[in-house]
Amino acid sequence: MENQTHAKKASAPSVSQINAEYVTQLSNRYWAPHAKNKLPFDPKVLEDVYEREILKSKFAIRKIMLLEFSQYLENYLWVNYNPEVSSNAYLMSICCIVNEKFRENVPAWEVFKKEPSHFPYFFKCVMQAVLAGEEAGLTLKEQTVLLVFLDHCFNSLEVDLIREQVQQLISLPMWMCILPSRLQHELKKVPKLQKFWNLIKKNFDKLEGKASEQAKMERTFLSALIKKFLGVLVSISPALVQHGAGRLPPGGELPPVQSHAEREGGSPLLPVTGHAEVLHRL
């Protein structure tokens, strides 16, 4: 036990090592709370930090931990975030720091609660990026970081700012993704739902342009994410399966993964708990 404790202490960076880090030197010039005559925000600095400290290190915890410790999110990333400067590197940097805060078990949403105006746009960008994946130039590791961030969001519904975004993805309108026959079967179980469903359809038909596109993206997001996950499973090389499981099915190839809903041209029913009870209270 003493040897393990000694090893942990030995692996922890010293003050001199922290001060020698590239991130520390940058923070002293751009965002450290104690820094005097700070330089103005520069998107190139953000891109450089992401490429050099996060991507190049393969998302090393030590590098991200130093960024979190320097208050990179609070004093540089979020305070300067807006739709005009948003980029993949910007999204990934924010998500990495939030994930690190959860790993360290420290409050993660306070900075967003203080400056909430751009959070809906940021959340929308994360949704688009996680679905676009490689088409948006994101590696599988980067997509995993985005998924972990979304997982933290879904587990933070006690925060008003987060709940307002997440509830758009898991409300009754998401049932538009299931097969019509299954939809009618579910609606018949609770007659009151048919009334609410008709109202939802009526309101959706009134939407136009970007509002209609946004509503459709929110309602189909989880269904699209499940299909994307199945696509990733199908894309796994048989060689990797052989390496992991020690054998392959007859013929040496994985059979295609296809759900019943995909065979029928629709999506499986996504579990939505308590719709009837919630709507009844409304």
Protein backbone atom coordinates (compact mmCIF):
# COMPACT_ATOMS: atom_id res chain seq x y z
CA MET A 1 0.00 0.00 0.00
CA GLU A 2 2.83 2.39 0.87
CA ASN A 3 4.53 1.61 -2.44
CA GLN A 4 1.31 2.38 -4.35
CA THR A 5 0.88 5.67 -2.49
CA HIS A 6 4.48 6.58 -3.21
CA ALA A 7 4.00 5.76 -6.90
CA LYS A 8 0.93 8.00 -7.11
CA LYS A 9 2.77 10.87 -5.46
CA ALA A 10 5.73 10.39 -7.77
CA SER A 11 3.51 10.49 -10.86
CA ALA A 12 1.79 13.72 -9.81
CA PRO A 13 3.33 16.77 -11.55
CA SER A 14 5.23 19.20 -9.39
CA VAL A 15 4.61 22.95 -9.36
CA SER A 16 7.72 23.53 -11.44
CA GLN A 17 6.56 20.95 -13.99
CA ILE A 18 3.12 22.56 -14.21
CA ASN A 19 4.67 26.01 -14.69
CA ALA A 20 6.84 24.62 -17.48
CA GLU A 21 3.84 23.26 -19.39
CA TYR A 22 2.83 24.94 -22.65
CA VAL A 23 -0.75 25.30 -21.38
CA THR A 24 0.40 27.14 -18.25
CA GLN A 25 2.47 29.55 -20.31
CA LEU A 26 -0.50 30.23 -22.59
CA SER A 27 -2.89 30.69 -19.68
CA ASN A 28 -0.59 33.29 -18.14
CA ARG A 29 -0.93 35.28 -21.35
CA TYR A 30 -4.59 34.72 -22.24
CA TRP A 31 -6.92 33.51 -19.48
CA ALA A 32 -5.35 32.95 -16.05
CA PRO A 33 -7.32 34.87 -13.36
CA HIS A 34 -4.14 36.38 -11.94
CA ALA A 35 -2.71 37.38 -15.34
CA LYS A 36 -2.22 41.08 -16.01
CA ASN A 37 -2.55 42.68 -19.45
CA LYS A 38 -4.24 39.63 -20.94
CA LEU A 39 -4.09 39.25 -24.69
CA PRO A 40 -7.42 39.37 -26.58
CA PHE A 41 -9.25 36.21 -27.59
CA ASP A 42 -7.70 34.50 -30.60
CA PRO A 43 -9.44 31.49 -32.23
CA LYS A 44 -6.06 30.32 -33.51
CA VAL A 45 -4.91 29.82 -29.91
CA LEU A 46 -7.90 27.57 -29.27
CA GLU A 47 -7.22 25.54 -32.41
CA ASP A 48 -3.55 25.22 -31.48
CA VAL A 49 -4.35 24.06 -27.95
CA TYR A 50 -6.76 21.44 -29.24
CA GLU A 51 -4.37 20.11 -31.87
CA ARG A 52 -1.24 20.22 -29.73
CA GLU A 53 -2.48 19.41 -26.23
CA ILE A 54 -5.54 17.22 -26.81
CA LEU A 55 -5.39 15.55 -30.21
CA LYS A 56 -1.63 15.04 -30.31
CA SER A 57 -1.67 13.57 -26.79
CA LYS A 58 -4.56 11.26 -27.78
CA PHE A 59 -6.82 12.89 -25.18
CA ALA A 60 -4.39 12.28 -22.34
CA ILE A 61 -6.08 12.88 -18.99
CA ARG A 62 -3.04 14.73 -17.67
CA LYS A 63 -3.23 17.31 -20.47
CA ILE A 64 -6.98 17.85 -20.15
CA MET A 65 -6.67 17.99 -16.37
CA LEU A 66 -4.17 20.85 -16.66
CA LEU A 67 -6.53 22.71 -18.98
CA GLU A 68 -9.38 22.28 -16.52
CA PHE A 69 -7.16 23.35 -13.62
CA SER A 70 -6.17 26.53 -15.48
CA GLN A 71 -9.88 27.50 -15.78
CA TYR A 72 -9.66 27.25 -19.56
CA LEU A 73 -13.41 26.64 -19.87
CA GLU A 74 -14.49 29.42 -17.52
CA ASN A 75 -12.10 32.18 -18.59
CA TYR A 76 -11.47 31.50 -22.27
CA LEU A 77 -13.73 28.96 -23.96
CA TRP A 78 -17.25 29.73 -22.83
CA VAL A 79 -16.87 33.44 -22.15
CA ASN A 80 -15.84 33.91 -25.80
CA TYR A 81 -18.16 31.36 -27.38
CA ASN A 82 -20.65 32.48 -30.01
CA PRO A 83 -22.04 31.04 -33.27
CA GLU A 84 -19.56 33.02 -35.38
CA VAL A 85 -16.47 31.36 -33.87
CA SER A 86 -17.94 27.89 -33.27
CA SER A 87 -15.91 25.05 -34.81
CA ASN A 88 -15.21 21.36 -34.29
CA ALA A 89 -12.16 22.19 -32.18
CA TYR A 90 -14.24 24.61 -30.10
CA LEU A 91 -17.00 22.04 -29.50
CA MET A 92 -14.53 19.29 -28.69
CA SER A 93 -12.54 21.49 -26.30
CA ILE A 94 -15.64 22.42 -24.30
CA CYS A 95 -16.89 18.82 -24.19
CA CYS A 96 -13.48 17.53 -23.09
CA ILE A 97 -13.31 19.96 -20.17
CA VAL A 98 -16.90 19.24 -19.09
CA ASN A 99 -16.20 15.49 -19.19
CA GLU A 100 -13.06 16.04 -17.13
CA LYS A 101 -15.04 17.99 -14.53
CA PHE A 102 -17.41 15.06 -14.19
CA ARG A 103 -14.46 12.69 -13.90
CA GLU A 104 -13.08 14.83 -11.08
CA ASN A 105 -16.56 15.10 -9.54
CA VAL A 106 -16.57 18.90 -9.52
CA PRO A 107 -19.48 21.19 -10.60
CA ALA A 108 -19.57 21.26 -14.40
CA TRP A 109 -22.53 23.43 -15.37
CA GLU A 110 -21.98 26.60 -13.32
CA VAL A 111 -20.21 28.48 -16.10
CA PHE A 112 -23.08 27.75 -18.52
CA LYS A 113 -25.70 28.80 -15.98
CA LYS A 114 -23.97 32.17 -15.59
CA GLU A 115 -23.86 32.74 -19.36
CA PRO A 116 -26.72 30.64 -20.80
CA SER A 117 -27.56 32.60 -23.96
CA HIS A 118 -25.49 30.51 -26.40
CA PHE A 119 -26.02 27.11 -24.79
CA PRO A 120 -29.02 26.09 -26.98
CA TYR A 121 -26.95 26.76 -30.10
CA PHE A 122 -23.96 24.90 -28.65
CA PHE A 123 -26.14 21.90 -27.75
CA LYS A 124 -27.57 21.87 -31.27
CA CYS A 125 -24.04 21.86 -32.72
CA VAL A 126 -23.09 18.90 -30.53
CA MET A 127 -26.17 17.00 -31.76
CA GLN A 128 -25.29 17.70 -35.38
CA ALA A 129 -21.64 16.77 -34.88
CA VAL A 130 -22.33 13.46 -33.15
CA LEU A 131 -24.63 12.39 -35.99
CA ALA A 132 -22.34 13.64 -38.77
CA GLY A 133 -19.32 11.89 -37.28
CA GLU A 134 -16.70 11.14 -39.92
CA GLU A 135 -18.55 13.30 -42.44
CA ALA A 136 -17.74 16.25 -40.17
CA GLY A 137 -14.10 15.16 -39.95
CA LEU A 138 -14.41 13.65 -36.47
CA THR A 139 -12.58 10.50 -35.44
CA LEU A 140 -14.27 7.69 -33.53
CA LYS A 141 -12.53 8.91 -30.35
CA GLU A 142 -13.90 12.42 -30.85
CA GLN A 143 -17.38 11.04 -31.43
CA THR A 144 -17.03 9.08 -28.18
CA VAL A 145 -16.17 12.29 -26.32
CA LEU A 146 -19.33 13.91 -27.68
CA LEU A 147 -21.43 10.91 -26.63
CA VAL A 148 -20.00 11.02 -23.12
CA PHE A 149 -20.87 14.72 -22.96
CA LEU A 150 -24.45 13.99 -24.04
CA ASP A 151 -24.62 11.22 -21.45
CA HIS A 152 -23.70 13.76 -18.76
CA CYS A 153 -26.44 16.04 -20.09
CA PHE A 154 -29.06 13.28 -19.90
CA ASN A 155 -27.97 12.62 -16.31
CA SER A 156 -28.19 16.30 -15.31
CA LEU A 157 -31.90 16.95 -15.73
CA GLU A 158 -32.00 18.67 -12.35
CA VAL A 159 -30.26 21.62 -14.06
CA ASP A 160 -32.90 23.79 -15.75
CA LEU A 161 -30.62 24.84 -18.60
CA ILE A 162 -29.81 21.22 -19.46
CA ARG A 163 -33.34 19.91 -18.99
CA GLU A 164 -34.75 22.49 -21.41
CA GLN A 165 -32.59 21.05 -24.19
CA VAL A 166 -32.83 17.35 -23.36
CA GLN A 167 -36.59 17.28 -22.95
CA GLN A 168 -36.96 18.28 -26.60
CA LEU A 169 -35.35 14.96 -27.55
CA ILE A 170 -37.35 12.61 -25.32
CA SER A 171 -40.89 13.97 -25.41
CA LEU A 172 -43.92 12.39 -27.09
CA PRO A 173 -43.21 13.86 -30.58
CA MET A 174 -40.25 11.45 -30.91
CA TRP A 175 -42.85 8.74 -31.61
CA MET A 176 -42.97 10.02 -35.18
CA CYS A 177 -40.00 7.69 -35.77
CA ILE A 178 -41.84 4.45 -35.09
CA LEU A 179 -43.82 2.39 -37.58
CA PRO A 180 -47.36 3.71 -38.21
CA SER A 181 -48.90 0.38 -37.20
CA ARG A 182 -46.94 0.32 -33.94
CA LEU A 183 -47.79 3.97 -33.30
CA GLN A 184 -51.51 3.30 -33.59
CA HIS A 185 -51.15 0.25 -31.36
CA GLU A 186 -49.50 2.35 -28.63
CA LEU A 187 -51.98 5.22 -28.95
CA LYS A 188 -54.93 2.86 -28.57
CA LYS A 189 -53.58 1.67 -25.23
CA VAL A 190 -54.14 5.14 -23.75
CA PRO A 191 -56.98 6.95 -25.59
CA LYS A 192 -55.95 10.35 -24.22
CA LEU A 193 -52.65 10.07 -26.07
CA GLN A 194 -54.47 10.17 -29.41
CA LYS A 195 -55.80 13.62 -28.57
CA PHE A 196 -52.34 14.89 -27.66
CA TRP A 197 -50.83 13.25 -30.73
CA ASN A 198 -53.31 14.99 -33.04
CA LEU A 199 -52.44 18.31 -31.42
CA ILE A 200 -48.71 17.63 -31.85
CA LYS A 201 -49.20 16.84 -35.55
CA LYS A 202 -51.30 19.98 -36.03
CA ASN A 203 -48.67 22.21 -34.42
CA PHE A 204 -45.86 20.54 -36.38
CA ASP A 205 -47.66 21.09 -39.69
CA LYS A 206 -47.81 24.81 -38.93
CA LEU A 207 -44.02 25.07 -38.64
CA GLU A 208 -42.03 26.36 -41.59
CA GLY A 209 -38.41 26.71 -42.63
CA LYS A 210 -35.76 26.45 -39.93
CA ALA A 211 -38.32 25.92 -37.17
CA SER A 212 -39.63 22.83 -38.95
CA GLU A 213 -36.10 21.50 -39.57
CA GLN A 214 -35.14 22.04 -35.93
CA ALA A 215 -38.26 20.27 -34.65
CA LYS A 216 -37.67 17.33 -36.98
CA MET A 217 -34.02 17.03 -35.92
CA GLU A 218 -35.00 17.00 -32.24
CA ARG A 219 -37.72 14.39 -32.74
CA THR A 220 -35.57 12.04 -34.82
CA PHE A 221 -32.27 12.51 -32.98
CA LEU A 222 -32.29 9.43 -30.75
CA SER A 223 -33.61 7.23 -33.55
CA ALA A 224 -30.84 8.47 -35.85
CA LEU A 225 -28.26 7.95 -33.12
CA ILE A 226 -29.36 4.33 -32.61
CA LYS A 227 -29.13 3.69 -36.36
CA LYS A 228 -25.68 5.26 -36.39
CA PHE A 229 -24.60 2.98 -33.54
CA LEU A 230 -25.83 -0.08 -35.44
CA GLY A 231 -23.90 1.16 -38.46
CA VAL A 232 -20.73 1.34 -36.39
CA LEU A 233 -21.28 -2.22 -35.19
CA VAL A 234 -21.69 -3.47 -38.76
CA SER A 235 -18.53 -1.64 -39.82
CA ILE A 236 -16.34 -3.46 -37.28
CA SER A 237 -13.73 -5.54 -39.08
CA PRO A 238 -14.12 -9.33 -38.77
CA ALA A 239 -10.42 -9.42 -37.94
CA LEU A 240 -11.15 -7.41 -34.79
CA VAL A 241 -13.93 -9.82 -33.86
CA GLN A 242 -11.57 -12.75 -34.36
CA HIS A 243 -8.98 -11.05 -32.20
CA GLY A 244 -11.50 -10.27 -29.46
CA ALA A 245 -13.63 -13.41 -29.43
CA GLY A 246 -11.19 -15.95 -30.81
CA ARG A 247 -13.46 -17.15 -33.62
CA LEU A 248 -15.75 -16.03 -36.44
CA PRO A 249 -19.14 -17.28 -37.63
CA PRO A 250 -19.18 -19.85 -40.48
CA GLY A 251 -18.01 -18.25 -43.69
CA GLY A 252 -15.60 -15.90 -41.92
CA GLU A 253 -17.81 -12.81 -42.09
CA LEU A 254 -20.21 -11.07 -39.77
CA PRO A 255 -23.87 -11.27 -40.80
CA PRO A 256 -25.47 -7.87 -41.46
CA VAL A 257 -27.21 -6.35 -38.46
CA GLN A 258 -30.73 -5.36 -39.42
CA SER A 259 -33.56 -4.59 -37.05
CA HIS A 260 -37.18 -5.48 -37.70
CA ALA A 261 -37.98 -1.79 -38.09
CA GLU A 262 -35.29 -1.33 -40.73
CA ARG A 263 -36.64 -4.30 -42.67
CA GLU A 264 -40.07 -2.69 -42.56
CA GLY A 265 -38.74 0.77 -43.40
CA GLY A 266 -39.23 2.36 -39.99
CA SER A 267 -37.59 2.66 -36.59
CA PRO A 268 -38.07 0.66 -33.40
CA LEU A 269 -40.21 2.07 -30.65
CA LEU A 270 -37.98 4.02 -28.35
CA PRO A 271 -38.88 3.58 -24.69
CA VAL A 272 -40.51 6.69 -23.30
CA THR A 273 -41.49 6.30 -19.68
CA GLY A 274 -44.50 7.93 -18.14
CA HIS A 275 -45.88 9.93 -21.11
CA ALA A 276 -49.47 9.14 -20.23
CA GLU A 277 -49.04 10.07 -16.59
CA VAL A 278 -47.22 13.33 -17.35
CA LEU A 279 -49.72 14.39 -20.00
CA HIS A 280 -52.60 13.49 -17.69
CA ARG A 281 -51.24 15.93 -15.10
CA LEU A 282 -50.99 18.64 -17.75
